Amino acid sequence: MQGSTINRAVVEHWVRQSVYQRLGKPVPFSAAGPNPLVVNVSARHCHLTAETVEILFGKGHQLTPMKWLYQDGQFAAKESLTLIGPRSRVISNLRILGPCRSLNQIELAYTDSIALGFDIPLRSSGNIKGTPGAMIMGPAGFFEMGEGVIRALRHVHMNPADAGYHGVKAGEEMQLRVGGPCGVLFEKMLVRVDPSFKLEVHIDTDEGNACHLQATTPCALEK
């Protein structure tokens, strides 16, 4: 059952803290804080309403979890769709993330949007008013989105304990310092707070490639 085991990142966080404390050394910044900081690259994907899923995949169809994501209850679905851009260029196998939402939204990196011919704005998730639309296609039909194609603002999910530790509130901004040979400082990191959230940063593929993000790359949040 999903959520019945402890996430590997949490175990590694506890082990790192324990080892450094036993050695009497300062805890490295990627292991500091009450909870482990996980930084993930969010590849292009889409969120759909239940009604749109039925249009694309057939009446009564429900998304099937393929891989559970770090945030509880969120998953990459087995289902994917085809996105048709303004230049009639397409991205096939655009992954759908579940569960279904109250609006349709497609999240691309800038390199994706250039290839497809989109002029997309930076937006927080759910803020789609005035954004470009798109045609999407599934095995059972087409659906024309009037709006909803965005480049998602880089953001951090955290629960109230994490927010208190870092001294921030929902809607504020932080910085993400990435170490390693391609170290970089990402500014304007939107803070999202909810009791259900685990401490996780989302950056897109352009940003992840720019800093050569690896599982072992040290990262730290700064106010």
N, C-alpha and C. Protein backbone atom coordinates (compact mmCIF):
# COMPACT_ATOMS: atom_id res chain seq x y z
N MET A 1 0.85 -1.21 0.00
CA MET A 1 0.00 0.00 0.00
C MET A 1 0.87 1.24 0.00
N GLN A 2 0.53 2.23 -0.84
CA GLN A 2 1.33 3.44 -0.95
C GLN A 2 1.34 4.17 0.38
N GLY A 3 2.55 4.64 0.79
CA GLY A 3 2.66 5.38 2.01
C GLY A 3 2.91 4.51 3.23
N SER A 4 3.03 3.17 3.05
CA SER A 4 3.20 2.27 4.18
C SER A 4 4.65 2.09 4.57
N THR A 5 5.61 2.55 3.74
CA THR A 5 7.02 2.44 4.04
C THR A 5 7.64 3.82 4.16
N ILE A 6 8.76 3.90 4.90
CA ILE A 6 9.46 5.16 5.07
C ILE A 6 10.24 5.48 3.80
N ASN A 7 10.13 6.72 3.32
CA ASN A 7 10.81 7.11 2.11
C ASN A 7 12.32 7.05 2.30
N ARG A 8 13.04 6.65 1.27
CA ARG A 8 14.49 6.51 1.34
C ARG A 8 15.17 7.81 1.72
N ALA A 9 14.67 8.93 1.20
CA ALA A 9 15.28 10.22 1.51
C ALA A 9 15.22 10.53 3.00
N VAL A 10 14.14 10.12 3.66
CA VAL A 10 14.00 10.36 5.09
C VAL A 10 15.03 9.53 5.87
N VAL A 11 15.18 8.25 5.49
CA VAL A 11 16.15 7.38 6.16
C VAL A 11 17.57 7.93 5.99
N GLU A 12 17.92 8.33 4.75
CA GLU A 12 19.25 8.87 4.51
C GLU A 12 19.49 10.14 5.32
N HIS A 13 18.47 10.96 5.45
CA HIS A 13 18.56 12.20 6.23
C HIS A 13 18.89 11.88 7.69
N TRP A 14 18.18 10.93 8.27
CA TRP A 14 18.41 10.56 9.67
C TRP A 14 19.82 9.99 9.85
N VAL A 15 20.25 9.15 8.92
CA VAL A 15 21.58 8.54 9.03
C VAL A 15 22.67 9.60 8.94
N ARG A 16 22.54 10.53 7.99
CA ARG A 16 23.56 11.58 7.86
C ARG A 16 23.66 12.41 9.13
N GLN A 17 22.52 12.82 9.66
CA GLN A 17 22.52 13.61 10.88
C GLN A 17 23.19 12.86 12.03
N SER A 18 22.85 11.57 12.18
CA SER A 18 23.40 10.77 13.27
C SER A 18 24.91 10.61 13.15
N VAL A 19 25.38 10.32 11.92
CA VAL A 19 26.82 10.11 11.70
C VAL A 19 27.61 11.38 12.01
N TYR A 20 27.16 12.51 11.48
CA TYR A 20 27.89 13.76 11.71
C TYR A 20 27.87 14.17 13.17
N GLN A 21 26.75 13.93 13.85
CA GLN A 21 26.69 14.25 15.27
C GLN A 21 27.63 13.37 16.09
N ARG A 22 27.74 12.08 15.77
CA ARG A 22 28.63 11.17 16.48
C ARG A 22 30.10 11.55 16.24
N LEU A 23 30.39 12.05 15.05
CA LEU A 23 31.76 12.46 14.73
C LEU A 23 32.09 13.85 15.26
N GLY A 24 31.07 14.54 15.80
CA GLY A 24 31.30 15.87 16.32
C GLY A 24 31.54 16.91 15.25
N LYS A 25 31.02 16.64 14.05
CA LYS A 25 31.21 17.56 12.93
C LYS A 25 29.90 18.29 12.63
N PRO A 26 30.00 19.49 12.04
CA PRO A 26 28.77 20.20 11.69
C PRO A 26 28.00 19.45 10.61
N VAL A 27 26.69 19.46 10.73
CA VAL A 27 25.85 18.78 9.75
C VAL A 27 25.91 19.53 8.43
N PRO A 28 26.19 18.84 7.29
CA PRO A 28 26.22 19.53 6.00
C PRO A 28 24.87 20.15 5.68
N PHE A 29 24.88 21.25 4.92
CA PHE A 29 23.64 22.02 4.77
C PHE A 29 22.51 21.26 4.14
N SER A 30 22.79 20.26 3.33
CA SER A 30 21.69 19.50 2.71
C SER A 30 21.00 18.58 3.71
N ALA A 31 21.61 18.39 4.90
CA ALA A 31 21.02 17.52 5.90
C ALA A 31 20.48 18.30 7.09
N ALA A 32 20.55 19.64 7.05
CA ALA A 32 20.11 20.46 8.17
C ALA A 32 18.59 20.59 8.17
N GLY A 33 18.03 20.90 9.35
CA GLY A 33 16.60 21.12 9.46
C GLY A 33 15.88 19.90 10.01
N PRO A 34 14.62 20.05 10.37
CA PRO A 34 13.87 18.94 10.97
C PRO A 34 13.52 17.82 10.00
N ASN A 35 13.46 18.13 8.71
CA ASN A 35 13.09 17.14 7.70
C ASN A 35 14.06 17.18 6.53
N PRO A 36 14.19 16.05 5.81
CA PRO A 36 15.11 16.03 4.67
C PRO A 36 14.62 16.93 3.54
N LEU A 37 15.57 17.66 2.94
CA LEU A 37 15.25 18.47 1.77
C LEU A 37 15.47 17.63 0.53
N VAL A 38 14.42 17.46 -0.25
CA VAL A 38 14.50 16.73 -1.50
C VAL A 38 14.30 17.72 -2.64
N VAL A 39 15.22 17.71 -3.60
CA VAL A 39 15.11 18.58 -4.78
C VAL A 39 14.89 17.69 -5.99
N ASN A 40 13.76 17.86 -6.64
CA ASN A 40 13.41 17.03 -7.79
C ASN A 40 13.22 17.86 -9.04
N VAL A 41 13.64 17.30 -10.16
CA VAL A 41 13.40 17.92 -11.47
C VAL A 41 12.02 17.47 -11.95
N SER A 42 11.18 18.44 -12.23
CA SER A 42 9.83 18.15 -12.69
C SER A 42 9.79 18.23 -14.22
N ALA A 43 9.75 17.08 -14.86
CA ALA A 43 9.69 17.05 -16.32
C ALA A 43 8.31 17.50 -16.80
N ARG A 44 8.23 17.83 -18.08
CA ARG A 44 6.94 18.28 -18.63
C ARG A 44 5.85 17.26 -18.32
N HIS A 45 4.68 17.78 -18.01
CA HIS A 45 3.57 16.92 -17.63
C HIS A 45 2.27 17.71 -17.69
N CYS A 46 1.16 17.05 -17.40
CA CYS A 46 -0.12 17.75 -17.40
C CYS A 46 -1.00 17.25 -16.27
N HIS A 47 -1.94 18.10 -15.86
CA HIS A 47 -2.99 17.77 -14.89
C HIS A 47 -4.31 17.92 -15.62
N LEU A 48 -5.24 17.00 -15.38
CA LEU A 48 -6.51 17.02 -16.09
C LEU A 48 -7.68 16.88 -15.12
N THR A 49 -8.83 17.39 -15.56
CA THR A 49 -10.07 17.15 -14.82
C THR A 49 -10.57 15.75 -15.15
N ALA A 50 -11.47 15.23 -14.32
CA ALA A 50 -12.05 13.91 -14.58
C ALA A 50 -12.83 13.92 -15.88
N GLU A 51 -13.49 15.04 -16.19
CA GLU A 51 -14.28 15.14 -17.42
C GLU A 51 -13.38 15.06 -18.65
N THR A 52 -12.20 15.72 -18.58
CA THR A 52 -11.29 15.69 -19.72
C THR A 52 -10.69 14.31 -19.90
N VAL A 53 -10.41 13.62 -18.80
CA VAL A 53 -9.89 12.25 -18.89
C VAL A 53 -10.89 11.36 -19.63
N GLU A 54 -12.17 11.52 -19.36
CA GLU A 54 -13.18 10.72 -20.05
C GLU A 54 -13.25 11.04 -21.53
N ILE A 55 -13.09 12.32 -21.89
CA ILE A 55 -13.09 12.70 -23.31
C ILE A 55 -11.92 12.06 -24.04
N LEU A 56 -10.77 12.04 -23.41
CA LEU A 56 -9.55 11.55 -24.06
C LEU A 56 -9.43 10.03 -24.04
N PHE A 57 -9.96 9.38 -22.98
CA PHE A 57 -9.73 7.95 -22.79
C PHE A 57 -11.00 7.11 -22.73
N GLY A 58 -12.15 7.76 -22.79
CA GLY A 58 -13.39 7.01 -22.80
C GLY A 58 -14.21 7.21 -21.54
N LYS A 59 -15.52 7.12 -21.68
CA LYS A 59 -16.43 7.37 -20.56
C LYS A 59 -16.17 6.40 -19.41
N GLY A 60 -16.09 6.96 -18.20
CA GLY A 60 -15.86 6.17 -17.01
C GLY A 60 -14.40 5.85 -16.73
N HIS A 61 -13.50 6.28 -17.63
CA HIS A 61 -12.09 5.94 -17.44
C HIS A 61 -11.51 6.71 -16.26
N GLN A 62 -10.68 6.04 -15.48
CA GLN A 62 -9.98 6.65 -14.36
C GLN A 62 -8.48 6.45 -14.52
N LEU A 63 -7.71 7.42 -14.06
CA LEU A 63 -6.26 7.34 -14.17
C LEU A 63 -5.72 6.18 -13.33
N THR A 64 -4.73 5.49 -13.89
CA THR A 64 -4.12 4.34 -13.23
C THR A 64 -2.72 4.71 -12.74
N PRO A 65 -2.47 4.63 -11.44
CA PRO A 65 -1.13 4.97 -10.93
C PRO A 65 -0.06 4.05 -11.52
N MET A 66 1.02 4.67 -12.02
CA MET A 66 2.18 3.92 -12.51
C MET A 66 3.34 4.05 -11.54
N LYS A 67 3.51 5.26 -11.00
CA LYS A 67 4.61 5.51 -10.06
C LYS A 67 4.14 6.54 -9.04
N TRP A 68 4.27 6.23 -7.74
CA TRP A 68 3.91 7.18 -6.71
C TRP A 68 5.01 8.21 -6.56
N LEU A 69 4.62 9.48 -6.43
CA LEU A 69 5.57 10.58 -6.31
C LEU A 69 5.88 10.86 -4.84
N TYR A 70 6.80 11.79 -4.61
CA TYR A 70 7.27 12.05 -3.24
C TYR A 70 6.16 12.60 -2.35
N GLN A 71 5.32 13.48 -2.90
CA GLN A 71 4.20 14.01 -2.12
C GLN A 71 3.12 12.95 -2.00
N ASP A 72 2.63 12.74 -0.79
CA ASP A 72 1.65 11.69 -0.54
C ASP A 72 0.41 11.85 -1.42
N GLY A 73 -0.03 10.75 -2.00
CA GLY A 73 -1.25 10.74 -2.80
C GLY A 73 -1.07 11.16 -4.24
N GLN A 74 0.11 11.66 -4.62
CA GLN A 74 0.37 12.12 -5.98
C GLN A 74 1.06 11.01 -6.77
N PHE A 75 0.69 10.87 -8.04
CA PHE A 75 1.29 9.80 -8.83
C PHE A 75 1.41 10.18 -10.30
N ALA A 76 2.38 9.55 -10.96
CA ALA A 76 2.47 9.59 -12.41
C ALA A 76 1.59 8.46 -12.94
N ALA A 77 0.69 8.80 -13.83
CA ALA A 77 -0.26 7.82 -14.34
C ALA A 77 0.32 7.02 -15.50
N LYS A 78 -0.24 5.84 -15.71
CA LYS A 78 0.14 5.04 -16.88
C LYS A 78 -0.28 5.76 -18.16
N GLU A 79 -1.36 6.54 -18.06
CA GLU A 79 -1.88 7.22 -19.24
C GLU A 79 -1.02 8.42 -19.63
N SER A 80 -0.90 8.63 -20.91
CA SER A 80 -0.23 9.81 -21.45
C SER A 80 -1.04 10.30 -22.64
N LEU A 81 -0.71 11.49 -23.12
CA LEU A 81 -1.45 12.05 -24.24
C LEU A 81 -0.50 12.72 -25.22
N THR A 82 -1.05 13.17 -26.32
CA THR A 82 -0.29 13.90 -27.33
C THR A 82 -0.67 15.38 -27.27
N LEU A 83 0.34 16.23 -27.20
CA LEU A 83 0.14 17.68 -27.18
C LEU A 83 0.51 18.23 -28.55
N ILE A 84 -0.41 18.99 -29.12
CA ILE A 84 -0.20 19.59 -30.44
C ILE A 84 0.01 21.08 -30.26
N GLY A 85 1.18 21.58 -30.71
CA GLY A 85 1.53 22.98 -30.54
C GLY A 85 1.07 23.85 -31.68
N PRO A 86 1.27 25.18 -31.55
CA PRO A 86 0.83 26.12 -32.59
C PRO A 86 1.46 25.88 -33.95
N ARG A 87 2.66 25.34 -34.00
CA ARG A 87 3.32 25.08 -35.28
C ARG A 87 3.00 23.68 -35.81
N SER A 88 1.97 23.08 -35.25
CA SER A 88 1.56 21.71 -35.60
C SER A 88 2.63 20.69 -35.25
N ARG A 89 3.58 21.08 -34.41
CA ARG A 89 4.54 20.13 -33.89
C ARG A 89 3.95 19.50 -32.64
N VAL A 90 4.36 18.28 -32.37
CA VAL A 90 3.71 17.54 -31.28
C VAL A 90 4.72 17.02 -30.28
N ILE A 91 4.24 16.83 -29.06
CA ILE A 91 4.94 16.05 -28.05
C ILE A 91 4.04 14.86 -27.75
N SER A 92 4.54 13.68 -28.05
CA SER A 92 3.76 12.48 -27.74
C SER A 92 4.17 11.96 -26.37
N ASN A 93 3.32 11.16 -25.79
CA ASN A 93 3.59 10.57 -24.48
C ASN A 93 3.82 11.62 -23.39
N LEU A 94 3.03 12.69 -23.42
CA LEU A 94 3.07 13.67 -22.33
C LEU A 94 2.40 13.04 -21.12
N ARG A 95 3.17 12.89 -20.05
CA ARG A 95 2.69 12.16 -18.88
C ARG A 95 1.61 12.94 -18.13
N ILE A 96 0.58 12.22 -17.69
CA ILE A 96 -0.47 12.80 -16.87
C ILE A 96 -0.16 12.49 -15.41
N LEU A 97 -0.28 13.50 -14.55
CA LEU A 97 -0.11 13.31 -13.12
C LEU A 97 -1.47 13.29 -12.44
N GLY A 98 -1.63 12.38 -11.50
CA GLY A 98 -2.90 12.27 -10.78
C GLY A 98 -2.73 12.59 -9.32
N PRO A 99 -3.84 12.70 -8.61
CA PRO A 99 -5.22 12.47 -9.07
C PRO A 99 -5.73 13.65 -9.90
N CYS A 100 -6.94 13.51 -10.42
CA CYS A 100 -7.54 14.55 -11.24
C CYS A 100 -7.71 15.84 -10.44
N ARG A 101 -7.69 16.95 -11.15
CA ARG A 101 -7.81 18.27 -10.52
C ARG A 101 -9.07 18.98 -11.03
N SER A 102 -9.25 20.19 -10.55
CA SER A 102 -10.44 20.96 -10.92
C SER A 102 -10.22 21.77 -12.20
N LEU A 103 -9.00 21.74 -12.76
CA LEU A 103 -8.72 22.45 -14.01
C LEU A 103 -7.67 21.68 -14.79
N ASN A 104 -7.59 22.00 -16.09
CA ASN A 104 -6.59 21.39 -16.96
C ASN A 104 -5.36 22.30 -17.02
N GLN A 105 -4.20 21.72 -16.87
CA GLN A 105 -2.96 22.51 -16.87
C GLN A 105 -1.83 21.68 -17.44
N ILE A 106 -1.06 22.30 -18.35
CA ILE A 106 0.12 21.66 -18.92
C ILE A 106 1.34 22.47 -18.49
N GLU A 107 2.36 21.79 -17.97
CA GLU A 107 3.58 22.45 -17.50
C GLU A 107 4.76 22.03 -18.37
N LEU A 108 5.37 23.02 -19.01
CA LEU A 108 6.49 22.80 -19.92
C LEU A 108 7.71 23.59 -19.46
N ALA A 109 8.89 23.18 -19.91
CA ALA A 109 10.08 24.00 -19.78
C ALA A 109 10.13 24.94 -20.99
N TYR A 110 10.98 25.98 -20.91
CA TYR A 110 11.07 26.92 -22.02
C TYR A 110 11.53 26.25 -23.31
N THR A 111 12.48 25.31 -23.21
CA THR A 111 12.94 24.63 -24.42
C THR A 111 11.80 23.84 -25.08
N ASP A 112 10.92 23.25 -24.28
CA ASP A 112 9.74 22.58 -24.83
C ASP A 112 8.85 23.57 -25.58
N SER A 113 8.61 24.73 -24.94
CA SER A 113 7.70 25.70 -25.52
C SER A 113 8.24 26.28 -26.83
N ILE A 114 9.55 26.49 -26.89
CA ILE A 114 10.15 27.01 -28.12
C ILE A 114 9.98 26.01 -29.25
N ALA A 115 10.23 24.75 -28.97
CA ALA A 115 10.11 23.71 -30.00
C ALA A 115 8.69 23.60 -30.53
N LEU A 116 7.70 23.83 -29.64
CA LEU A 116 6.30 23.69 -30.02
C LEU A 116 5.70 24.97 -30.59
N GLY A 117 6.37 26.11 -30.35
CA GLY A 117 5.85 27.39 -30.83
C GLY A 117 4.99 28.13 -29.84
N PHE A 118 5.06 27.75 -28.55
CA PHE A 118 4.30 28.43 -27.51
C PHE A 118 5.09 29.63 -26.97
N ASP A 119 4.35 30.64 -26.56
CA ASP A 119 4.91 31.74 -25.78
C ASP A 119 4.26 31.65 -24.41
N ILE A 120 4.92 30.95 -23.48
CA ILE A 120 4.28 30.64 -22.20
C ILE A 120 4.82 31.53 -21.08
N PRO A 121 3.96 31.90 -20.14
CA PRO A 121 4.39 32.72 -19.01
C PRO A 121 4.81 31.86 -17.82
N LEU A 122 5.58 32.46 -16.92
CA LEU A 122 5.87 31.84 -15.64
C LEU A 122 4.66 32.04 -14.74
N ARG A 123 4.12 30.97 -14.21
CA ARG A 123 2.95 31.06 -13.35
C ARG A 123 3.04 30.04 -12.21
N SER A 124 2.40 30.38 -11.10
CA SER A 124 2.22 29.39 -10.05
C SER A 124 1.12 28.43 -10.48
N SER A 125 1.18 27.22 -10.01
CA SER A 125 0.20 26.20 -10.40
C SER A 125 -1.21 26.66 -10.06
N GLY A 126 -2.11 26.52 -11.04
CA GLY A 126 -3.50 26.92 -10.86
C GLY A 126 -3.81 28.32 -11.35
N ASN A 127 -2.78 29.14 -11.54
CA ASN A 127 -2.97 30.52 -12.03
C ASN A 127 -2.84 30.51 -13.55
N ILE A 128 -3.91 30.17 -14.24
CA ILE A 128 -3.84 29.97 -15.69
C ILE A 128 -4.60 31.01 -16.49
N LYS A 129 -5.20 31.99 -15.84
CA LYS A 129 -5.98 32.98 -16.57
C LYS A 129 -5.09 33.74 -17.55
N GLY A 130 -5.52 33.80 -18.80
CA GLY A 130 -4.78 34.53 -19.82
C GLY A 130 -3.60 33.78 -20.40
N THR A 131 -3.46 32.49 -20.08
CA THR A 131 -2.35 31.70 -20.62
C THR A 131 -2.76 31.05 -21.94
N PRO A 132 -1.80 30.58 -22.73
CA PRO A 132 -2.14 29.94 -24.01
C PRO A 132 -2.92 28.65 -23.81
N GLY A 133 -3.70 28.30 -24.81
CA GLY A 133 -4.39 27.02 -24.82
C GLY A 133 -3.65 26.04 -25.72
N ALA A 134 -4.23 24.86 -25.89
CA ALA A 134 -3.59 23.84 -26.72
C ALA A 134 -4.58 22.77 -27.07
N MET A 135 -4.25 22.00 -28.10
CA MET A 135 -5.03 20.83 -28.47
C MET A 135 -4.33 19.60 -27.91
N ILE A 136 -5.08 18.76 -27.21
CA ILE A 136 -4.52 17.52 -26.69
C ILE A 136 -5.33 16.34 -27.23
N MET A 137 -4.65 15.23 -27.39
CA MET A 137 -5.28 14.08 -28.04
C MET A 137 -5.00 12.82 -27.23
N GLY A 138 -6.04 12.01 -27.03
CA GLY A 138 -5.91 10.70 -26.40
C GLY A 138 -6.46 9.64 -27.32
N PRO A 139 -6.45 8.39 -26.89
CA PRO A 139 -6.91 7.30 -27.76
C PRO A 139 -8.40 7.35 -28.08
N ALA A 140 -9.19 8.12 -27.28
CA ALA A 140 -10.64 8.14 -27.52
C ALA A 140 -11.13 9.47 -28.08
N GLY A 141 -10.26 10.47 -28.19
CA GLY A 141 -10.73 11.74 -28.71
C GLY A 141 -9.77 12.90 -28.50
N PHE A 142 -10.23 14.08 -28.96
CA PHE A 142 -9.48 15.31 -28.85
C PHE A 142 -10.13 16.22 -27.81
N PHE A 143 -9.33 17.13 -27.26
CA PHE A 143 -9.86 18.16 -26.38
C PHE A 143 -9.08 19.43 -26.61
N GLU A 144 -9.80 20.54 -26.83
CA GLU A 144 -9.14 21.83 -27.03
C GLU A 144 -9.18 22.63 -25.74
N MET A 145 -8.01 22.86 -25.16
CA MET A 145 -7.89 23.67 -23.96
C MET A 145 -7.88 25.14 -24.35
N GLY A 146 -8.75 25.93 -23.75
CA GLY A 146 -8.77 27.35 -24.06
C GLY A 146 -7.62 28.10 -23.42
N GLU A 147 -7.08 27.55 -22.34
CA GLU A 147 -5.94 28.14 -21.62
C GLU A 147 -5.32 27.03 -20.76
N GLY A 148 -4.16 27.34 -20.15
CA GLY A 148 -3.61 26.37 -19.21
C GLY A 148 -2.21 25.88 -19.48
N VAL A 149 -1.52 26.41 -20.52
CA VAL A 149 -0.14 26.00 -20.78
C VAL A 149 0.80 27.01 -20.11
N ILE A 150 1.63 26.52 -19.17
CA ILE A 150 2.49 27.42 -18.40
C ILE A 150 3.89 26.84 -18.25
N ARG A 151 4.81 27.71 -17.84
CA ARG A 151 6.05 27.24 -17.23
C ARG A 151 5.88 27.48 -15.74
N ALA A 152 5.93 26.41 -14.95
CA ALA A 152 5.65 26.53 -13.53
C ALA A 152 6.78 27.27 -12.81
N LEU A 153 6.41 28.20 -11.94
CA LEU A 153 7.39 28.84 -11.09
C LEU A 153 8.11 27.80 -10.25
N ARG A 154 9.43 27.92 -10.15
CA ARG A 154 10.13 27.03 -9.22
C ARG A 154 9.58 27.25 -7.83
N HIS A 155 9.38 26.17 -7.09
CA HIS A 155 8.69 26.30 -5.82
C HIS A 155 9.14 25.23 -4.83
N VAL A 156 8.81 25.46 -3.57
CA VAL A 156 9.13 24.50 -2.52
C VAL A 156 7.87 24.16 -1.75
N HIS A 157 7.62 22.87 -1.59
CA HIS A 157 6.54 22.39 -0.74
C HIS A 157 7.08 22.23 0.68
N MET A 158 6.34 22.66 1.67
CA MET A 158 6.76 22.44 3.06
C MET A 158 5.55 22.42 3.97
N ASN A 159 5.69 21.71 5.11
CA ASN A 159 4.63 21.72 6.10
C ASN A 159 4.88 22.85 7.09
N PRO A 160 3.94 23.13 7.98
CA PRO A 160 4.11 24.26 8.90
C PRO A 160 5.37 24.18 9.76
N ALA A 161 5.82 22.97 10.14
CA ALA A 161 7.04 22.84 10.93
C ALA A 161 8.26 23.30 10.14
N ASP A 162 8.31 22.91 8.85
CA ASP A 162 9.41 23.37 7.99
C ASP A 162 9.36 24.88 7.81
N ALA A 163 8.16 25.41 7.59
CA ALA A 163 8.01 26.85 7.41
C ALA A 163 8.48 27.60 8.65
N GLY A 164 8.14 27.08 9.84
CA GLY A 164 8.59 27.71 11.07
C GLY A 164 10.09 27.66 11.22
N TYR A 165 10.69 26.54 10.87
CA TYR A 165 12.15 26.39 10.96
C TYR A 165 12.85 27.40 10.06
N HIS A 166 12.32 27.58 8.85
CA HIS A 166 12.95 28.48 7.88
C HIS A 166 12.47 29.92 8.02
N GLY A 167 11.46 30.16 8.85
CA GLY A 167 10.98 31.51 9.07
C GLY A 167 10.27 32.12 7.88
N VAL A 168 9.44 31.32 7.20
CA VAL A 168 8.74 31.81 6.02
C VAL A 168 7.26 31.47 6.11
N LYS A 169 6.46 32.11 5.26
CA LYS A 169 5.03 31.85 5.16
C LYS A 169 4.67 31.53 3.72
N ALA A 170 3.51 30.93 3.55
CA ALA A 170 3.03 30.61 2.21
C ALA A 170 2.94 31.87 1.36
N GLY A 171 3.41 31.77 0.11
CA GLY A 171 3.39 32.89 -0.81
C GLY A 171 4.65 33.72 -0.81
N GLU A 172 5.52 33.52 0.20
CA GLU A 172 6.80 34.23 0.21
C GLU A 172 7.79 33.52 -0.71
N GLU A 173 8.99 34.07 -0.81
CA GLU A 173 10.00 33.51 -1.70
C GLU A 173 11.27 33.17 -0.94
N MET A 174 11.96 32.15 -1.40
CA MET A 174 13.25 31.74 -0.83
C MET A 174 14.25 31.60 -1.96
N GLN A 175 15.47 31.21 -1.61
CA GLN A 175 16.50 30.90 -2.58
C GLN A 175 16.94 29.45 -2.39
N LEU A 176 17.34 28.82 -3.47
CA LEU A 176 17.89 27.48 -3.41
C LEU A 176 19.34 27.54 -3.85
N ARG A 177 20.24 27.19 -2.94
CA ARG A 177 21.66 27.14 -3.27
C ARG A 177 22.04 25.71 -3.63
N VAL A 178 22.53 25.53 -4.85
CA VAL A 178 22.92 24.22 -5.35
C VAL A 178 24.43 24.16 -5.43
N GLY A 179 25.03 23.14 -4.79
CA GLY A 179 26.47 22.99 -4.81
C GLY A 179 26.95 22.18 -6.00
N GLY A 180 28.14 21.62 -5.87
CA GLY A 180 28.69 20.81 -6.95
C GLY A 180 29.45 21.63 -7.98
N PRO A 181 29.99 20.98 -9.01
CA PRO A 181 30.81 21.67 -10.02
C PRO A 181 30.05 22.70 -10.84
N CYS A 182 28.73 22.57 -10.91
CA CYS A 182 27.91 23.54 -11.65
C CYS A 182 27.01 24.30 -10.68
N GLY A 183 27.56 24.63 -9.52
CA GLY A 183 26.79 25.29 -8.47
C GLY A 183 26.12 26.57 -8.95
N VAL A 184 24.93 26.81 -8.42
CA VAL A 184 24.14 27.97 -8.84
C VAL A 184 23.21 28.37 -7.71
N LEU A 185 22.75 29.61 -7.72
CA LEU A 185 21.78 30.09 -6.75
C LEU A 185 20.49 30.42 -7.49
N PHE A 186 19.43 29.67 -7.20
CA PHE A 186 18.13 29.93 -7.80
C PHE A 186 17.35 30.86 -6.87
N GLU A 187 16.94 32.00 -7.39
CA GLU A 187 16.16 32.96 -6.61
C GLU A 187 14.67 32.79 -6.91
N LYS A 188 13.86 33.55 -6.18
CA LYS A 188 12.40 33.58 -6.40
C LYS A 188 11.79 32.17 -6.37
N MET A 189 12.11 31.44 -5.30
CA MET A 189 11.55 30.11 -5.07
C MET A 189 10.26 30.26 -4.27
N LEU A 190 9.11 30.06 -4.92
CA LEU A 190 7.82 30.25 -4.28
C LEU A 190 7.61 29.25 -3.15
N VAL A 191 7.15 29.73 -2.00
CA VAL A 191 6.89 28.87 -0.85
C VAL A 191 5.42 28.46 -0.84
N ARG A 192 5.18 27.16 -0.77
CA ARG A 192 3.84 26.61 -0.65
C ARG A 192 3.78 25.79 0.63
N VAL A 193 2.80 26.08 1.49
CA VAL A 193 2.73 25.45 2.81
C VAL A 193 1.40 24.73 2.98
N ASP A 194 1.48 23.48 3.45
CA ASP A 194 0.28 22.71 3.75
C ASP A 194 0.67 21.60 4.72
N PRO A 195 -0.20 21.25 5.67
CA PRO A 195 0.14 20.19 6.63
C PRO A 195 0.49 18.85 5.98
N SER A 196 -0.02 18.61 4.78
CA SER A 196 0.22 17.33 4.12
C SER A 196 1.54 17.30 3.34
N PHE A 197 2.21 18.44 3.18
CA PHE A 197 3.39 18.51 2.32
C PHE A 197 4.63 17.95 3.00
N LYS A 198 5.48 17.31 2.19
CA LYS A 198 6.85 16.98 2.57
C LYS A 198 7.76 18.05 1.98
N LEU A 199 8.92 18.25 2.60
CA LEU A 199 9.84 19.30 2.15
C LEU A 199 10.47 18.90 0.82
N GLU A 200 10.03 19.56 -0.23
CA GLU A 200 10.48 19.20 -1.58
C GLU A 200 10.49 20.43 -2.47
N VAL A 201 11.58 20.59 -3.21
CA VAL A 201 11.71 21.66 -4.21
C VAL A 201 11.46 21.06 -5.58
N HIS A 202 10.73 21.80 -6.41
CA HIS A 202 10.53 21.42 -7.80
C HIS A 202 11.18 22.47 -8.70
N ILE A 203 12.11 22.03 -9.54
CA ILE A 203 12.64 22.86 -10.62
C ILE A 203 12.38 22.12 -11.93
N ASP A 204 12.41 22.83 -13.05
CA ASP A 204 12.11 22.15 -14.31
C ASP A 204 13.38 21.60 -14.95
N THR A 205 13.23 20.96 -16.10
CA THR A 205 14.36 20.27 -16.73
C THR A 205 15.44 21.24 -17.18
N ASP A 206 15.07 22.43 -17.65
CA ASP A 206 16.08 23.42 -18.03
C ASP A 206 16.94 23.79 -16.82
N GLU A 207 16.30 24.02 -15.69
CA GLU A 207 17.01 24.40 -14.47
C GLU A 207 17.86 23.24 -13.94
N GLY A 208 17.30 22.04 -13.98
CA GLY A 208 18.05 20.88 -13.52
C GLY A 208 19.28 20.60 -14.36
N ASN A 209 19.15 20.77 -15.67
CA ASN A 209 20.30 20.56 -16.55
C ASN A 209 21.36 21.63 -16.34
N ALA A 210 20.93 22.87 -16.08
CA ALA A 210 21.87 23.97 -15.91
C ALA A 210 22.82 23.75 -14.73
N CYS A 211 22.31 23.12 -13.66
CA CYS A 211 23.15 22.89 -12.47
C CYS A 211 23.61 21.44 -12.37
N HIS A 212 23.32 20.62 -13.38
CA HIS A 212 23.71 19.20 -13.41
C HIS A 212 23.30 18.54 -12.10
N LEU A 213 22.01 18.67 -11.76
CA LEU A 213 21.51 18.15 -10.50
C LEU A 213 21.58 16.63 -10.46
N GLN A 214 22.21 16.11 -9.39
CA GLN A 214 22.31 14.68 -9.15
C GLN A 214 21.73 14.36 -7.78
N ALA A 215 21.51 13.09 -7.51
CA ALA A 215 20.97 12.70 -6.21
C ALA A 215 21.90 13.09 -5.06
N THR A 216 23.20 13.18 -5.36
CA THR A 216 24.18 13.51 -4.31
C THR A 216 24.55 14.99 -4.27
N THR A 217 23.94 15.79 -5.12
CA THR A 217 24.27 17.22 -5.15
C THR A 217 23.78 17.90 -3.88
N PRO A 218 24.66 18.60 -3.13
CA PRO A 218 24.20 19.29 -1.93
C PRO A 218 23.35 20.51 -2.29
N CYS A 219 22.24 20.68 -1.58
CA CYS A 219 21.34 21.80 -1.83
C CYS A 219 20.88 22.37 -0.50
N ALA A 220 20.60 23.67 -0.48
CA ALA A 220 20.12 24.30 0.74
C ALA A 220 19.13 25.41 0.42
N LEU A 221 18.12 25.54 1.26
CA LEU A 221 17.17 26.63 1.17
C LEU A 221 17.67 27.81 1.99
N GLU A 222 17.54 29.00 1.43
CA GLU A 222 17.94 30.22 2.13
C GLU A 222 16.80 31.22 2.06
N LYS A 223 16.57 31.91 3.16
CA LYS A 223 15.50 32.90 3.19
C LYS A 223 15.92 34.14 2.42
